[in-house]
N, C-alpha and C. Protein backbone atom coordinates (compact mmCIF):
# COMPACT_ATOMS: atom_id res chain seq x y z
N MET A 1 0.76 -1.54 0.31
CA MET A 1 0.28 0.01 0.03
C MET A 1 0.64 1.05 0.02
N LEU A 2 0.54 2.02 -0.64
CA LEU A 2 1.68 3.24 -1.15
C LEU A 2 0.96 4.69 -0.45
N ILE A 3 0.98 5.41 0.54
CA ILE A 3 0.17 6.51 0.79
C ILE A 3 0.88 7.78 0.20
N PHE A 4 -0.24 8.93 -0.70
CA PHE A 4 0.46 9.91 -1.07
C PHE A 4 -0.12 11.73 -0.24
N PHE A 5 0.62 12.41 0.14
CA PHE A 5 -0.35 13.40 0.68
C PHE A 5 0.72 14.43 0.67
N HIS A 6 0.13 16.07 0.70
CA HIS A 6 0.94 16.83 0.23
C HIS A 6 1.93 17.29 1.48
N LEU A 7 3.36 17.41 1.27
CA LEU A 7 4.44 17.67 2.11
C LEU A 7 4.85 19.29 1.97
N PRO A 8 5.45 19.67 3.11
CA PRO A 8 6.26 20.87 2.74
C PRO A 8 6.43 20.99 1.28
N VAL A 9 7.65 21.95 0.68
CA VAL A 9 8.27 21.93 -0.51
C VAL A 9 9.79 21.15 0.18
N GLY A 10 10.36 20.67 -0.43
CA GLY A 10 11.83 19.96 -0.08
C GLY A 10 11.86 18.60 0.73
N TYR A 11 10.40 18.75 1.31
CA TYR A 11 11.03 17.04 1.97
C TYR A 11 10.10 16.22 1.30
N SER A 12 10.35 14.95 1.84
CA SER A 12 9.67 13.71 1.02
C SER A 12 10.02 12.59 2.28
N ILE A 13 8.59 11.76 1.95
CA ILE A 13 8.80 10.54 2.86
C ILE A 13 8.43 9.50 2.14
N LEU A 14 9.28 8.27 2.17
CA LEU A 14 9.27 7.06 1.38
C LEU A 14 7.96 6.27 2.23
N ILE A 15 6.71 6.32 1.82
CA ILE A 15 5.96 5.01 2.42
C ILE A 15 5.46 4.12 2.03
N LEU A 16 5.67 2.71 2.40
CA LEU A 16 5.37 1.86 2.13
C LEU A 16 4.71 0.71 2.95
N ALA A 17 3.34 0.50 2.92
CA ALA A 17 2.61 -0.41 3.85
C ALA A 17 2.44 0.40 5.26
N LYS A 18 2.96 -0.33 6.21
CA LYS A 18 2.91 0.48 7.97
C LYS A 18 3.90 0.85 7.77
N PHE A 19 3.81 2.17 8.80
CA PHE A 19 4.72 2.94 8.93
C PHE A 19 5.26 2.94 10.16
N CYS A 20 5.85 2.04 10.45
CA CYS A 20 6.34 1.48 12.11
C CYS A 20 7.26 2.00 12.28
N VAL A 21 7.64 2.79 13.81
CA VAL A 21 8.88 2.86 14.39
C VAL A 21 9.49 1.64 14.73
N LEU A 22 10.35 1.06 14.12
CA LEU A 22 11.19 0.10 15.40
C LEU A 22 12.93 0.87 15.82
N THR A 23 13.08 1.48 15.14
CA THR A 23 14.62 2.04 15.29
C THR A 23 14.37 3.09 14.74
N GLN A 24 15.87 3.79 15.15
CA GLN A 24 16.04 5.23 14.36
C GLN A 24 17.63 5.35 13.85
N ARG A 25 17.84 5.10 13.11
CA ARG A 25 18.84 5.01 12.46
C ARG A 25 19.54 6.19 11.33
N ARG A 26 19.89 6.71 11.42
CA ARG A 26 20.82 8.14 10.70
C ARG A 26 21.43 7.84 9.47
N ASN A 27 21.30 8.54 8.21
CA ASN A 27 21.79 8.42 7.41
C ASN A 27 22.22 9.14 7.32
N GLU A 28 23.51 9.87 7.19
CA GLU A 28 23.80 11.19 7.41
C GLU A 28 24.09 11.91 5.84
N PRO A 29 25.02 11.44 5.01
CA PRO A 29 25.29 11.87 3.78
C PRO A 29 23.70 12.03 2.94
N ASN A 30 22.85 10.92 2.92
CA ASN A 30 21.22 11.70 2.72
C ASN A 30 20.30 12.14 3.18
N GLN A 31 20.97 12.64 4.23
CA GLN A 31 20.16 13.33 5.62
C GLN A 31 18.64 12.53 5.73
N GLN A 32 19.10 11.07 5.83
CA GLN A 32 17.70 10.43 5.69
C GLN A 32 17.38 10.03 7.72
N ILE A 33 16.24 10.13 8.29
CA ILE A 33 15.99 9.08 9.68
C ILE A 33 15.32 7.62 9.34
N TRP A 34 16.02 6.77 9.97
CA TRP A 34 15.57 5.78 8.82
C TRP A 34 14.72 5.13 10.24
N ILE A 35 13.39 4.75 10.13
CA ILE A 35 12.63 4.13 11.05
C ILE A 35 12.40 2.79 10.96
N ASN A 36 12.48 2.20 10.31
CA ASN A 36 12.73 0.96 10.18
C ASN A 36 13.33 0.37 8.95
N SER A 37 13.55 -0.81 8.62
CA SER A 37 14.52 -1.39 7.13
C SER A 37 13.98 -1.02 5.86
N GLN A 38 12.62 -0.52 5.48
CA GLN A 38 12.07 0.04 4.36
C GLN A 38 11.73 1.07 4.16
N GLN A 39 11.51 2.31 5.45
CA GLN A 39 11.28 3.52 5.60
C GLN A 39 11.61 4.54 6.19
N TYR A 40 11.67 5.90 5.57
CA TYR A 40 12.43 6.96 6.50
C TYR A 40 12.03 7.96 5.77
N PHE A 41 12.23 9.31 7.08
CA PHE A 41 11.64 10.36 7.06
C PHE A 41 13.10 11.40 6.17
N ASP A 42 13.00 12.12 5.16
CA ASP A 42 14.10 12.85 4.00
C ASP A 42 14.35 13.84 4.38
N GLN A 43 15.24 14.85 4.21
CA GLN A 43 15.51 16.00 4.56
C GLN A 43 15.69 16.12 5.88
N VAL A 44 16.04 15.90 6.95
CA VAL A 44 16.70 15.85 8.11
C VAL A 44 17.83 16.71 8.50
N PRO A 45 18.52 17.58 8.02
CA PRO A 45 19.81 18.31 8.09
C PRO A 45 20.48 17.39 9.51
N PRO A 46 21.96 17.67 9.36
CA PRO A 46 22.53 17.69 10.95
C PRO A 46 22.12 18.75 11.79
N ARG A 47 22.03 19.79 11.49
CA ARG A 47 21.77 20.89 12.38
C ARG A 47 20.68 20.70 12.86
N ILE A 48 19.64 20.43 12.27
CA ILE A 48 17.82 20.53 12.87
C ILE A 48 17.82 18.85 13.73
N TRP A 49 18.15 17.45 13.26
CA TRP A 49 18.74 16.82 14.00
C TRP A 49 18.89 16.94 15.45
N ASN A 50 20.41 17.58 15.06
CA ASN A 50 21.13 17.91 17.06
C ASN A 50 20.51 19.01 17.72
N PHE A 51 19.24 19.82 16.99
CA PHE A 51 19.01 20.50 17.81
C PHE A 51 18.12 20.54 19.43
N TYR A 52 18.39 21.04 20.14
CA TYR A 52 18.17 20.91 21.69
C TYR A 52 17.19 21.69 21.94
N ILE A 53 15.95 21.48 22.99
CA ILE A 53 15.06 22.23 23.23
C ILE A 53 14.78 21.60 25.01
N GLY A 54 15.25 22.59 25.61
CA GLY A 54 14.86 22.16 26.88
C GLY A 54 15.69 20.86 27.47
N GLY A 55 17.11 20.92 26.90
CA GLY A 55 17.47 19.49 27.30
C GLY A 55 17.02 18.22 26.42
N TYR A 56 16.33 18.35 25.24
CA TYR A 56 16.05 17.68 24.75
C TYR A 56 16.08 17.59 23.11
N GLN A 57 16.35 16.64 22.34
CA GLN A 57 16.66 16.57 20.85
C GLN A 57 15.50 16.45 20.39
N VAL A 58 15.28 17.30 20.22
CA VAL A 58 13.49 17.13 19.07
C VAL A 58 13.61 16.13 18.68
N CYS A 59 13.99 16.29 17.67
CA CYS A 59 13.64 15.14 16.72
C CYS A 59 13.67 13.73 16.96
N GLN A 60 14.83 13.58 17.89
CA GLN A 60 15.24 12.25 18.35
C GLN A 60 14.18 11.99 19.38
N LYS A 61 13.77 12.89 20.19
CA LYS A 61 12.79 12.44 21.39
C LYS A 61 11.14 11.93 20.65
N TRP A 62 10.49 12.90 19.25
CA TRP A 62 9.65 12.58 18.86
C TRP A 62 9.88 11.11 18.15
N MET A 63 10.59 10.65 17.61
CA MET A 63 10.93 9.01 17.34
C MET A 63 10.71 8.32 18.55
N LYS A 64 11.04 8.98 19.35
CA LYS A 64 11.98 7.57 20.65
C LYS A 64 10.29 7.32 21.11
N ASP A 65 9.37 8.73 21.35
CA ASP A 65 8.24 8.42 22.25
C ASP A 65 7.20 7.32 21.30
N ARG A 66 7.42 7.36 19.69
CA ARG A 66 6.56 6.39 18.53
C ARG A 66 7.02 5.12 18.70
N LYS A 67 8.07 5.11 19.36
CA LYS A 67 9.29 3.57 19.12
C LYS A 67 8.03 2.68 19.26
N GLY A 68 8.18 1.23 18.54
CA GLY A 68 7.35 0.53 18.85
C GLY A 68 5.96 0.32 18.19
N ARG A 69 5.50 1.24 17.49
CA ARG A 69 4.08 1.54 17.26
C ARG A 69 3.77 1.98 15.98
N GLU A 70 2.62 1.86 15.30
CA GLU A 70 2.57 2.39 14.11
C GLU A 70 1.87 3.95 14.03
N LEU A 71 3.03 4.78 12.88
CA LEU A 71 2.46 6.23 12.90
C LEU A 71 1.15 6.34 12.28
N ASN A 72 0.38 7.16 12.47
CA ASN A 72 -1.27 7.10 11.92
C ASN A 72 -0.29 8.64 11.11
N PHE A 73 -1.70 8.85 9.75
CA PHE A 73 -1.20 9.84 9.20
C PHE A 73 -0.82 11.14 9.64
N ASP A 74 -1.55 11.64 10.88
CA ASP A 74 -1.50 13.17 11.09
C ASP A 74 -0.12 13.00 11.70
N GLU A 75 0.35 11.58 12.50
CA GLU A 75 1.69 11.48 12.62
C GLU A 75 3.30 11.50 11.62
N ILE A 76 2.52 11.22 10.32
CA ILE A 76 3.39 11.11 9.49
C ILE A 76 3.62 12.26 8.74
N SER A 77 2.66 13.03 8.99
CA SER A 77 2.39 14.41 8.02
C SER A 77 2.83 15.66 9.19
N HIS A 78 3.04 15.29 10.48
CA HIS A 78 3.59 16.38 11.45
C HIS A 78 5.25 16.64 11.59
N TYR A 79 5.77 14.94 11.41
CA TYR A 79 6.85 14.81 11.34
C TYR A 79 7.99 16.20 10.68
N PRO A 80 7.57 16.22 9.46
CA PRO A 80 8.42 17.24 8.33
C PRO A 80 7.61 18.85 8.69
N ASN A 81 6.69 19.13 9.27
CA ASN A 81 6.19 20.65 9.89
C ASN A 81 7.18 20.53 10.90
N ILE A 82 7.76 19.51 12.27
CA ILE A 82 8.59 19.94 12.89
C ILE A 82 9.74 20.32 12.29
N VAL A 83 10.76 19.50 11.60
CA VAL A 83 11.63 19.62 10.94
C VAL A 83 11.79 21.48 10.11
N SER A 84 10.36 21.13 9.60
CA SER A 84 10.52 22.92 9.04
C SER A 84 10.88 24.29 10.19
N ILE A 85 9.71 23.65 11.05
CA ILE A 85 9.71 24.26 12.06
C ILE A 85 11.17 24.93 12.70
N ILE A 86 11.82 23.91 13.23
CA ILE A 86 12.82 23.74 13.65
C ILE A 86 14.01 24.58 12.75
N SER A 87 13.78 24.29 11.28
CA SER A 87 14.64 25.08 10.26
C SER A 87 14.54 26.38 10.61
N GLU A 88 13.27 26.81 10.31
CA GLU A 88 13.10 28.51 10.89
C GLU A 88 13.46 28.70 12.35
N THR A 89 13.63 28.44 13.06
CA THR A 89 13.71 28.74 14.61
C THR A 89 15.40 29.05 14.46
N ILE A 90 16.09 27.99 13.84
CA ILE A 90 17.75 28.09 13.85
C ILE A 90 18.01 29.44 13.11
N LYS A 91 17.31 29.94 12.41
CA LYS A 91 17.64 30.91 10.98
C LYS A 91 17.23 31.98 12.24
N MET A 92 16.02 32.06 12.62
CA MET A 92 15.89 33.36 13.41
C MET A 92 16.40 33.68 14.57
N MET A 93 17.44 32.63 15.57
CA MET A 93 18.66 32.82 16.25
C MET A 93 19.49 33.22 15.65
N THR A 94 19.85 32.47 14.51
CA THR A 94 20.99 33.35 14.03
C THR A 94 20.72 34.89 13.53
N ASP A 95 19.71 34.41 12.90
CA ASP A 95 19.51 36.32 12.38
C ASP A 95 19.94 37.45 13.85
N ILE A 96 19.16 36.86 15.30
CA ILE A 96 19.29 37.71 16.23
C ILE A 96 20.54 37.40 16.87
N ALA A 97 21.36 36.66 16.74
CA ALA A 97 22.43 36.66 17.27
C ALA A 97 23.58 37.56 16.59
N ASP A 98 23.09 37.65 14.94
CA ASP A 98 24.08 38.63 14.34
C ASP A 98 23.68 39.77 14.60
N PHE A 99 22.19 40.15 14.95
CA PHE A 99 21.87 41.48 15.14
C PHE A 99 22.55 41.79 16.63
N LEU A 100 22.77 41.10 17.85
CA LEU A 100 23.35 41.15 18.98
C LEU A 100 24.72 41.65 18.47
N LYS A 101 25.02 40.88 17.79
CA LYS A 101 26.59 40.96 17.65
C LYS A 101 26.85 42.18 16.94
N ASN A 102 26.39 42.95 16.33
CA ASN A 102 26.64 44.01 15.26
C ASN A 102 26.15 45.38 16.49
N MET A 103 24.87 44.69 17.28
CA MET A 103 24.76 45.91 18.50
C MET A 103 25.70 46.44 19.13
N ALA A 104 26.61 45.07 19.48
CA ALA A 104 27.47 45.32 20.79
C ALA A 104 28.91 45.78 20.12
N ILE A 105 29.08 45.97 18.56
CA ILE A 105 30.08 46.33 18.21
C ILE A 105 30.06 47.65 17.75
N SER A 106 28.51 48.35 17.47
CA SER A 106 27.96 50.10 17.10
C SER A 106 28.05 50.21 19.49
N VAL A 107 27.89 49.64 20.25
CA VAL A 107 28.18 50.38 21.02
C VAL A 107 29.19 50.65 21.64
N LYS A 108 30.39 49.48 21.17
CA LYS A 108 31.49 49.58 21.54
C LYS A 108 32.33 50.79 20.72
N ILE A 109 32.44 50.80 19.46
CA ILE A 109 32.64 51.84 18.76
C ILE A 109 32.07 53.28 20.02
N SER A 110 30.87 53.37 19.98
CA SER A 110 30.06 54.98 20.28
C SER A 110 30.96 55.33 21.64
N PHE A 111 31.65 54.46 22.62
CA PHE A 111 32.08 54.25 24.04
C PHE A 111 33.44 55.05 23.59
N VAL A 112 34.28 54.40 22.46
CA VAL A 112 35.31 54.54 22.19
C VAL A 112 35.66 56.08 21.57
N LYS A 113 34.86 56.26 20.72
CA LYS A 113 34.63 57.88 20.13
C LYS A 113 34.76 58.86 21.13
N LYS A 114 34.31 58.81 22.42
CA LYS A 114 33.75 59.79 23.53
C LYS A 114 35.61 59.64 23.99
């Protein structure tokens, strides 16, 4: 059985038969998270897989919480959304850090000029 559904641009999932989380093996060169011998989530770069919130590695924890059971349609479509949201969060954090760094430089310059 194949299941087709809309995903955010740039994300794909190989779906065959039942989508059951048995393991979580990372294929880093292909940016895939394998959940069993035939199925994986695609387009999960290391910066997203290794992203922590509150001491938890978000993508890994989500998988661990579902280990040993079949994922339903909502869960299958939710995981790429998590990946996308983490990607945007990382981008926003980088933008904020750059802004603060530039602010610190301008504050130092204004103190030196006096």
